Amino acid sequence: MRIVAGRWRGHPIQAPPGRATRPTTDRVREAWMSAMQPYLPGARVLDLFAGSGALGLEALSRGAASATFVERAGGALRALRANIARLGAEDVEVVRGHALAYARALGPRAFDLALADPPYDEPYAAELVELFARTPFARWLWIEHRTKDALPELPGARTRRYGDTALTSIPAPE
């Protein structure tokens, strides 16, 4: 894995060991970040289910001001911290905990962008969208999920498909 664009373009990043974490492919991450590019400069980014931190680090590489990474798996946290150190990333916070519990405790628009790549074998994607509908904890929620997974429909939501992977972006209501 590597950072696709921005100031750290081409720098390798470490994936967590084992098969418990499914990193977002470079192709999907590039499409995701390109779609988000207008919102990245100066943004406060929340990377939920952070894994290696690839999404939040990519956002920082492209101009986000800060990133908060939320992850609970020990191996993923070690890889995440190593990636942050390797890149010399600043204005970051690493939170060990469950992403849904962290998001549940946030107030409205606590972040500019919330990025989430929850495990495919759990109902976390739909739960996160339901939580966002009740309390929009960011100006935008961007979530990766399987194309076959149905998410609750919210106004303004847009889904892009990349093979079996889908990216859904949801703006917070005004």
Protein backbone atom coordinates (compact mmCIF):
# COMPACT_ATOMS: atom_id res chain seq x y z
CA MET A 1 0.00 0.00 0.00
CA ARG A 2 1.08 3.55 -0.64
CA ILE A 3 -0.11 7.14 -0.40
CA VAL A 4 -1.61 7.93 -3.81
CA ALA A 5 -1.30 11.72 -4.06
CA GLY A 6 -0.32 14.90 -2.27
CA ARG A 7 2.79 15.74 -0.27
CA TRP A 8 3.44 12.09 0.67
CA ARG A 9 2.66 10.70 -2.78
CA GLY A 10 4.29 7.33 -3.37
CA HIS A 11 5.29 6.78 0.27
CA PRO A 12 4.58 3.22 1.36
CA ILE A 13 2.35 2.54 4.33
CA GLN A 14 2.14 -0.60 6.38
CA ALA A 15 -1.03 -2.70 6.40
CA PRO A 16 -2.10 -4.39 9.63
CA PRO A 17 -1.03 -8.02 9.86
CA GLY A 18 -3.47 -10.85 9.19
CA ARG A 19 -6.80 -10.90 7.45
CA ALA A 20 -8.90 -9.13 10.05
CA THR A 21 -8.40 -5.79 8.27
CA ARG A 22 -9.35 -5.25 4.62
CA PRO A 23 -7.45 -2.20 3.33
CA THR A 24 -9.12 0.05 0.78
CA THR A 25 -7.43 -0.53 -2.58
CA ASP A 26 -5.33 2.24 -4.11
CA ARG A 27 -7.82 2.52 -7.01
CA VAL A 28 -10.83 3.02 -4.74
CA ARG A 29 -8.90 5.35 -2.40
CA GLU A 30 -7.82 7.47 -5.39
CA ALA A 31 -11.42 7.75 -6.62
CA TRP A 32 -12.62 8.51 -3.09
CA MET A 33 -10.08 11.25 -2.46
CA SER A 34 -10.56 12.78 -5.90
CA ALA A 35 -14.30 13.07 -5.22
CA MET A 36 -13.59 14.66 -1.82
CA GLN A 37 -10.76 16.95 -3.01
CA PRO A 38 -12.84 20.17 -2.94
CA TYR A 39 -13.59 19.58 0.77
CA LEU A 40 -10.09 18.54 1.92
CA PRO A 41 -8.05 21.77 2.23
CA GLY A 42 -8.04 22.76 5.89
CA ALA A 43 -10.56 20.05 6.86
CA ARG A 44 -10.85 18.37 10.24
CA VAL A 45 -11.06 14.68 9.29
CA LEU A 46 -12.39 11.74 11.29
CA ASP A 47 -11.20 8.29 10.13
CA LEU A 48 -13.53 5.70 11.66
CA PHE A 49 -12.55 1.99 11.59
CA ALA A 50 -9.15 3.43 10.69
CA GLY A 51 -7.11 0.24 10.23
CA SER A 52 -3.77 1.35 8.79
CA GLY A 53 -4.94 4.96 8.67
CA ALA A 54 -4.68 5.04 4.87
CA LEU A 55 -7.80 7.18 4.42
CA GLY A 56 -6.96 9.80 7.03
CA LEU A 57 -3.29 9.90 6.00
CA GLU A 58 -4.28 10.32 2.36
CA ALA A 59 -6.56 13.21 3.41
CA LEU A 60 -3.68 14.83 5.33
CA SER A 61 -1.37 14.33 2.35
CA ARG A 62 -3.90 16.22 0.20
CA GLY A 63 -4.30 19.21 2.52
CA ALA A 64 -6.55 18.31 5.46
CA ALA A 65 -5.58 20.24 8.60
CA SER A 66 -5.98 17.41 11.11
CA ALA A 67 -7.09 13.83 11.46
CA THR A 68 -8.51 11.75 14.28
CA PHE A 69 -8.15 8.00 13.82
CA VAL A 70 -10.46 5.61 15.68
CA GLU A 71 -9.51 1.93 15.79
CA ARG A 72 -9.77 -0.83 18.37
CA ALA A 73 -7.66 -3.72 17.01
CA GLY A 74 -4.16 -3.91 18.49
CA GLY A 75 -2.38 -4.94 15.28
CA ALA A 76 -4.10 -2.21 13.28
CA LEU A 77 -3.21 0.37 15.94
CA ARG A 78 0.46 -0.63 15.78
CA ALA A 79 0.47 -0.30 11.96
CA LEU A 80 -1.40 3.02 12.19
CA ARG A 81 1.06 4.49 14.69
CA ALA A 82 4.01 3.25 12.59
CA ASN A 83 2.52 4.89 9.48
CA ILE A 84 1.99 8.19 11.29
CA ALA A 85 5.59 8.13 12.53
CA ARG A 86 7.01 7.08 9.14
CA LEU A 87 5.30 10.01 7.41
CA GLY A 88 5.95 12.49 10.21
CA ALA A 89 2.24 13.31 10.28
CA GLU A 90 1.27 16.13 12.62
CA ASP A 91 -2.07 17.30 14.02
CA VAL A 92 -3.25 13.73 14.49
CA GLU A 93 -5.00 11.97 17.32
CA VAL A 94 -5.25 8.18 17.68
CA VAL A 95 -8.19 6.90 19.70
CA ARG A 96 -8.37 3.27 20.77
CA GLY A 97 -12.01 2.32 20.84
CA HIS A 98 -15.03 1.28 18.83
CA ALA A 99 -15.84 3.66 16.00
CA LEU A 100 -19.60 3.63 16.59
CA ALA A 101 -19.22 4.39 20.29
CA TYR A 102 -16.87 7.27 19.47
CA ALA A 103 -19.22 8.70 16.84
CA ARG A 104 -22.21 8.30 19.15
CA ALA A 105 -20.53 10.62 21.69
CA LEU A 106 -19.93 13.42 19.17
CA GLY A 107 -22.02 16.54 18.80
CA PRO A 108 -23.31 17.91 15.51
CA ARG A 109 -20.60 18.84 13.00
CA ALA A 110 -17.72 18.00 15.31
CA PHE A 111 -15.69 17.28 12.13
CA ASP A 112 -15.74 18.52 8.57
CA LEU A 113 -15.34 15.09 6.99
CA ALA A 114 -15.98 11.65 8.46
CA LEU A 115 -14.52 8.72 6.53
CA ALA A 116 -15.51 5.17 7.37
CA ASP A 117 -14.47 1.78 6.05
CA PRO A 118 -16.23 -0.60 8.46
CA PRO A 119 -15.79 -4.38 8.37
CA TYR A 120 -17.91 -5.89 5.62
CA ASP A 121 -19.09 -8.80 7.76
CA GLU A 122 -20.82 -6.58 10.32
CA PRO A 123 -23.86 -4.26 10.04
CA TYR A 124 -21.73 -1.24 10.99
CA ALA A 125 -22.19 0.68 7.71
CA ALA A 126 -25.98 0.86 8.08
CA GLU A 127 -25.69 1.58 11.82
CA LEU A 128 -23.29 4.44 11.14
CA VAL A 129 -25.65 5.99 8.57
CA GLU A 130 -28.56 5.72 11.03
CA LEU A 131 -26.43 7.39 13.70
CA PHE A 132 -25.47 10.15 11.25
CA ALA A 133 -29.15 10.70 10.44
CA ARG A 134 -29.86 11.32 14.15
CA THR A 135 -26.73 13.39 14.85
CA PRO A 136 -24.74 14.54 11.82
CA PHE A 137 -21.33 14.49 13.53
CA ALA A 138 -19.59 15.86 10.40
CA ARG A 139 -20.45 18.10 7.48
CA TRP A 140 -20.04 15.05 5.21
CA LEU A 141 -20.01 11.31 5.87
CA TRP A 142 -18.19 9.20 3.30
CA ILE A 143 -18.52 5.45 3.78
CA GLU A 144 -17.16 2.41 1.95
CA HIS A 145 -19.38 -0.67 1.83
CA ARG A 146 -20.32 -3.61 -0.36
CA THR A 147 -22.45 -2.69 -3.35
CA LYS A 148 -25.05 -5.25 -2.25
CA ASP A 149 -25.39 -3.71 1.24
CA ALA A 150 -28.45 -1.52 1.55
CA LEU A 151 -27.90 1.67 3.51
CA PRO A 152 -30.68 3.84 4.92
CA GLU A 153 -31.60 6.47 2.36
CA LEU A 154 -30.85 10.05 3.36
CA PRO A 155 -31.38 13.27 1.40
CA GLY A 156 -28.44 14.16 -0.80
CA ALA A 157 -26.76 10.74 -0.51
CA ARG A 158 -24.80 9.69 -3.55
CA THR A 159 -23.29 6.27 -4.22
CA ARG A 160 -20.48 5.45 -6.62
CA ARG A 161 -19.70 1.84 -7.49
CA TYR A 162 -16.29 0.29 -8.14
CA GLY A 163 -16.84 -3.41 -8.80
CA ASP A 164 -18.08 -4.97 -5.54
CA THR A 165 -17.18 -1.85 -3.57
CA ALA A 166 -19.42 1.19 -3.16
CA LEU A 167 -18.63 4.65 -1.79
CA THR A 168 -21.57 6.59 -0.42
CA SER A 169 -21.31 10.28 0.47
CA ILE A 170 -23.94 11.92 2.63
CA PRO A 171 -24.05 15.64 3.41
CA ALA A 172 -25.28 16.82 6.80
CA PRO A 173 -28.64 18.53 6.57
CA GLU A 174 -28.50 22.32 6.60
